Amino acid sequence: MDRFLVLFVVLIFSGIKVSGQNDFEKASQLFSERSYQESVEVLEALKKEEGGSFGLYYNLGNAYYRLGDMARARLNYERALLLKPYNKETLQNIALVKDAQQEEIEEIPPFFLAQWSRNIRDLFSVVVWMILALVFLWTGFMLYFLDVKGKLNWSTTKRQWISAVCLSLGFISIFGGLSRWKSIADSGMAVVMEQQTELKEAPEANSKKALDVFGGTKLYLEDKIGDWYKVKLVNGEEGWLPANQIEKI
């Protein structure tokens, strides 16, 4: 009986995987036929059913770009970039969106230590970081255990140094994985979804305008009061926007 139950579960999950793959292929076929709206509908439905992935976000970005919806194109490209931070094609497509929107906002480079930290964090996926953590921690503990049991002819100093290095790398990998997961789960960034809107100096509709922003502009979320977000542009300028005019990356 248990064997049949396991087989049933396996078949269910296999069916889900095949179904999702078929939908993805269908969306790709629709895109190649220039049926961009239909391709978007298939991919959006697939995202609701199975969640996001790099390929899904990237293809959604391409379809929205072809439809001329630069805000949603930028949003999906940025989400794809979270999963693969160094993907050349995604970076190039984001540049195309900026050109199409004639975005002239100059990004302020981050502090070099913060940039180094991000570069190290983004070297590996969450899964790879966790695998590295397990390998290093297991190696460190096993070396210590074998040495205590007299299985290694190492000096105490050598064993302590190697164990300490392995354990340190293990904990660094755990931190890297957690940091990478947090950066994906809550990026702290958003994209303007309105074609054009105003940044306000205060979280009020009748507040004085700080500056105009356009659809597809990336923002950093600084604070929230009620239904308003305090946001910062990549050039450092700040203001307030209603929550319904932006969407989190």
Protein backbone atom coordinates (compact mmCIF):
# COMPACT_ATOMS: atom_id res chain seq x y z
CA MET A 1 0.00 0.00 0.00
CA ASP A 2 2.78 2.44 0.95
CA ARG A 3 4.56 1.66 -2.29
CA PHE A 4 1.50 2.63 -4.31
CA LEU A 5 1.08 5.82 -2.26
CA VAL A 6 4.69 6.85 -2.97
CA LEU A 7 4.21 6.08 -6.66
CA PHE A 8 1.01 8.18 -6.70
CA VAL A 9 2.79 11.17 -5.11
CA VAL A 10 5.69 10.86 -7.54
CA LEU A 11 3.31 10.79 -10.48
CA ILE A 12 1.47 13.87 -9.19
CA PHE A 13 4.67 15.89 -8.85
CA SER A 14 5.92 14.62 -12.21
CA GLY A 15 2.66 15.75 -13.76
CA ILE A 16 3.00 19.21 -12.21
CA LYS A 17 6.55 19.52 -13.53
CA VAL A 18 5.55 18.37 -17.02
CA SER A 19 2.53 20.67 -16.99
CA GLY A 20 4.68 23.66 -16.01
CA GLN A 21 7.24 22.81 -18.68
CA ASN A 22 4.50 22.55 -21.29
CA ASP A 23 3.14 25.97 -20.29
CA PHE A 24 6.63 27.47 -20.48
CA GLU A 25 7.14 26.02 -23.95
CA LYS A 26 3.70 27.29 -24.96
CA ALA A 27 4.62 30.81 -23.80
CA SER A 28 7.88 30.63 -25.75
CA GLN A 29 6.03 29.51 -28.86
CA LEU A 30 3.52 32.35 -28.52
CA PHE A 31 6.40 34.82 -28.11
CA SER A 32 8.09 33.52 -31.27
CA GLU A 33 4.75 34.01 -33.07
CA ARG A 34 4.66 37.62 -31.77
CA SER A 35 1.57 36.87 -29.66
CA TYR A 36 3.11 38.76 -26.76
CA GLN A 37 -0.06 39.37 -24.76
CA GLU A 38 -0.98 35.70 -24.86
CA SER A 39 2.58 34.80 -23.85
CA VAL A 40 2.31 37.14 -20.85
CA GLU A 41 -0.99 35.59 -19.78
CA VAL A 42 0.46 32.07 -19.85
CA LEU A 43 3.59 33.11 -17.90
CA GLU A 44 1.65 35.12 -15.31
CA ALA A 45 -0.64 32.14 -14.71
CA LEU A 46 2.39 29.87 -14.40
CA LYS A 47 3.97 32.25 -11.88
CA LYS A 48 0.85 32.12 -9.71
CA GLU A 49 0.80 28.32 -9.81
CA GLU A 50 4.48 27.49 -9.36
CA GLY A 51 6.21 30.68 -8.25
CA GLY A 52 8.92 32.69 -9.95
CA SER A 53 12.19 31.59 -11.51
CA PHE A 54 14.94 33.29 -13.45
CA GLY A 55 13.68 32.04 -16.82
CA LEU A 56 10.09 32.97 -16.08
CA TYR A 57 10.93 36.52 -14.96
CA TYR A 58 13.33 37.01 -17.87
CA ASN A 59 10.77 35.88 -20.45
CA LEU A 60 8.06 38.00 -18.82
CA GLY A 61 10.38 40.98 -19.09
CA ASN A 62 10.92 40.26 -22.79
CA ALA A 63 7.19 39.95 -23.47
CA TYR A 64 6.30 43.13 -21.58
CA TYR A 65 9.09 44.96 -23.39
CA ARG A 66 7.63 43.91 -26.74
CA LEU A 67 4.22 45.16 -25.56
CA GLY A 68 5.75 48.52 -24.69
CA ASP A 69 5.03 48.14 -20.96
CA MET A 70 8.41 49.33 -19.73
CA ALA A 71 7.43 49.40 -16.06
CA ARG A 72 6.56 45.70 -15.95
CA ALA A 73 9.48 44.85 -18.22
CA ARG A 74 11.88 46.56 -15.79
CA LEU A 75 10.18 44.94 -12.80
CA ASN A 76 10.61 41.42 -14.17
CA TYR A 77 14.15 42.01 -15.40
CA GLU A 78 15.10 43.27 -11.93
CA ARG A 79 13.50 40.20 -10.34
CA ALA A 80 15.47 37.98 -12.73
CA LEU A 81 18.63 39.89 -11.81
CA LEU A 82 18.07 39.14 -8.12
CA LEU A 83 18.32 35.43 -8.92
CA LYS A 84 21.29 35.78 -11.30
CA PRO A 85 23.04 39.06 -10.41
CA TYR A 86 25.72 38.87 -13.09
CA ASN A 87 23.59 37.76 -16.03
CA LYS A 88 24.82 39.75 -19.03
CA GLU A 89 21.61 39.52 -21.08
CA THR A 90 19.45 40.78 -18.21
CA LEU A 91 21.76 43.74 -17.60
CA GLN A 92 21.69 44.58 -21.31
CA ASN A 93 17.89 44.42 -21.39
CA ILE A 94 17.59 46.71 -18.36
CA ALA A 95 19.80 49.18 -20.24
CA LEU A 96 17.40 48.94 -23.22
CA VAL A 97 14.45 49.77 -20.93
CA LYS A 98 16.32 52.78 -19.57
CA ASP A 99 17.03 53.96 -23.11
CA ALA A 100 13.39 53.49 -24.13
CA GLN A 101 12.28 55.55 -21.11
CA GLN A 102 15.07 58.08 -21.71
CA GLU A 103 16.08 57.64 -18.09
CA GLU A 104 18.92 60.01 -17.29
CA ILE A 105 19.33 59.29 -13.57
CA GLU A 106 23.01 58.87 -12.69
CA GLU A 107 23.52 56.10 -10.14
CA ILE A 108 25.76 56.91 -7.20
CA PRO A 109 28.29 54.07 -6.73
CA PRO A 110 27.92 52.36 -3.33
CA PHE A 111 30.66 52.53 -0.70
CA PHE A 112 33.40 50.11 -1.77
CA LEU A 113 33.12 47.92 1.36
CA ALA A 114 29.37 47.56 0.84
CA GLN A 115 29.97 46.69 -2.81
CA TRP A 116 32.56 44.05 -1.90
CA SER A 117 30.13 42.54 0.59
CA ARG A 118 27.40 42.34 -2.07
CA ASN A 119 29.79 40.87 -4.63
CA ILE A 120 30.80 38.11 -2.21
CA ARG A 121 27.16 37.47 -1.21
CA ASP A 122 26.10 37.15 -4.85
CA LEU A 123 28.89 34.75 -5.82
CA PHE A 124 26.66 31.73 -5.11
CA SER A 125 22.99 30.85 -4.84
CA VAL A 126 21.43 30.11 -1.45
CA VAL A 127 21.62 26.36 -2.13
CA VAL A 128 25.34 26.49 -2.99
CA TRP A 129 26.10 28.58 0.11
CA MET A 130 24.32 26.03 2.32
CA ILE A 131 26.10 23.10 0.67
CA LEU A 132 29.44 24.81 1.27
CA ALA A 133 28.47 25.43 4.90
CA LEU A 134 27.67 21.74 5.43
CA VAL A 135 30.89 20.61 3.76
CA PHE A 136 33.12 22.95 5.78
CA LEU A 137 31.39 22.29 9.10
CA TRP A 138 31.34 18.52 8.59
CA THR A 139 35.02 18.54 7.59
CA GLY A 140 35.98 20.60 10.64
CA PHE A 141 34.10 18.40 13.09
CA MET A 142 35.33 15.17 11.46
CA LEU A 143 38.97 16.30 11.62
CA TYR A 144 38.57 17.13 15.29
CA PHE A 145 36.83 13.79 15.98
CA LEU A 146 39.48 11.75 14.13
CA ASP A 147 42.26 13.58 15.92
CA VAL A 148 40.70 12.96 19.34
CA LYS A 149 40.36 9.26 18.50
CA GLY A 150 44.02 9.14 17.52
CA LYS A 151 43.31 8.45 13.87
CA LEU A 152 45.46 11.36 12.66
CA ASN A 153 49.16 11.79 13.19
CA TRP A 154 48.89 15.55 13.23
CA SER A 155 50.26 17.95 15.76
CA THR A 156 47.71 19.64 18.01
CA THR A 157 48.51 23.02 16.49
CA LYS A 158 47.99 21.78 12.93
CA ARG A 159 44.70 20.10 13.79
CA GLN A 160 43.44 23.17 15.65
CA TRP A 161 44.32 25.49 12.76
CA ILE A 162 42.70 23.33 10.08
CA SER A 163 39.59 22.74 12.19
CA ALA A 164 39.32 26.46 12.97
CA VAL A 165 39.63 27.37 9.28
CA CYS A 166 36.99 24.84 8.24
CA LEU A 167 34.58 25.93 10.99
CA SER A 168 35.14 29.61 10.17
CA LEU A 169 34.48 29.02 6.48
CA GLY A 170 31.39 27.04 7.45
CA PHE A 171 29.93 29.89 9.49
CA ILE A 172 30.88 32.41 6.79
CA SER A 173 29.00 30.25 4.28
CA ILE A 174 25.95 30.16 6.55
CA PHE A 175 26.05 33.95 6.80
CA GLY A 176 26.48 34.21 3.02
CA GLY A 177 23.49 31.96 2.40
CA LEU A 178 21.25 33.79 4.86
CA SER A 179 22.30 37.16 3.43
CA ARG A 180 21.64 35.94 -0.12
CA TRP A 181 18.22 34.59 0.88
CA LYS A 182 17.29 37.86 2.59
CA SER A 183 18.35 39.90 -0.46
CA ILE A 184 15.93 37.85 -2.59
CA ALA A 185 13.06 37.63 -0.11
CA ASP A 186 13.12 41.36 0.63
CA SER A 187 15.29 43.33 -1.76
CA GLY A 188 14.25 46.68 -0.30
CA MET A 189 13.70 47.93 -3.86
CA ALA A 190 10.68 48.72 -6.02
CA VAL A 191 9.75 49.93 -9.49
CA VAL A 192 7.42 52.81 -10.38
CA MET A 193 4.38 51.36 -12.15
CA GLU A 194 2.65 54.60 -13.19
CA GLN A 195 3.58 56.05 -16.57
CA GLN A 196 4.45 59.31 -14.81
CA THR A 197 3.97 60.45 -11.24
CA GLU A 198 5.27 62.93 -8.69
CA LEU A 199 7.52 62.33 -5.75
CA LYS A 200 6.13 64.29 -2.82
CA GLU A 201 8.08 66.04 -0.08
CA ALA A 202 5.74 64.57 2.57
CA PRO A 203 3.40 61.52 2.75
CA GLU A 204 0.35 63.54 1.72
CA ALA A 205 -1.45 63.92 -1.60
CA ASN A 206 -1.46 67.72 -1.36
CA SER A 207 2.22 67.92 -0.39
CA LYS A 208 4.67 69.89 -2.52
CA LYS A 209 6.19 68.05 -5.48
CA ALA A 210 9.81 67.02 -5.06
CA LEU A 211 10.32 65.82 -8.65
CA ASP A 212 8.73 63.82 -11.48
CA VAL A 213 9.45 60.11 -11.92
CA PHE A 214 8.47 57.80 -14.75
CA GLY A 215 7.36 54.19 -15.13
CA GLY A 216 10.18 51.69 -14.81
CA THR A 217 12.30 53.82 -12.47
CA LYS A 218 13.99 51.74 -9.76
CA LEU A 219 13.70 52.99 -6.19
CA TYR A 220 15.05 52.05 -2.78
CA LEU A 221 12.42 51.77 -0.04
CA GLU A 222 13.53 53.79 2.99
CA ASP A 223 10.44 54.01 5.23
CA LYS A 224 6.67 53.58 5.27
CA ILE A 225 3.92 55.65 6.87
CA GLY A 226 0.39 54.42 6.27
CA ASP A 227 -0.07 53.92 2.53
CA TRP A 228 3.02 55.97 1.63
CA TYR A 229 6.61 54.90 1.06
CA LYS A 230 9.63 57.09 1.51
CA VAL A 231 11.83 56.22 -1.45
CA LYS A 232 15.31 57.06 -2.68
CA LEU A 233 16.37 57.15 -6.30
CA VAL A 234 19.67 55.64 -7.36
CA ASN A 235 21.10 59.17 -7.57
CA GLY A 236 20.27 59.84 -3.91
CA GLU A 237 17.19 62.04 -4.37
CA GLU A 238 14.33 61.25 -1.97
CA GLY A 239 10.59 61.69 -1.73
CA TRP A 240 7.29 59.97 -0.93
CA LEU A 241 5.06 57.86 -3.18
CA PRO A 242 1.71 56.09 -2.59
CA ALA A 243 2.09 52.32 -2.19
CA ASN A 244 -0.31 51.70 -5.10
CA GLN A 245 2.04 53.43 -7.55
CA ILE A 246 4.97 51.09 -7.02
CA GLU A 247 5.62 47.35 -6.92
CA LYS A 248 8.31 45.65 -4.92
CA ILE A 249 11.03 43.84 -6.83
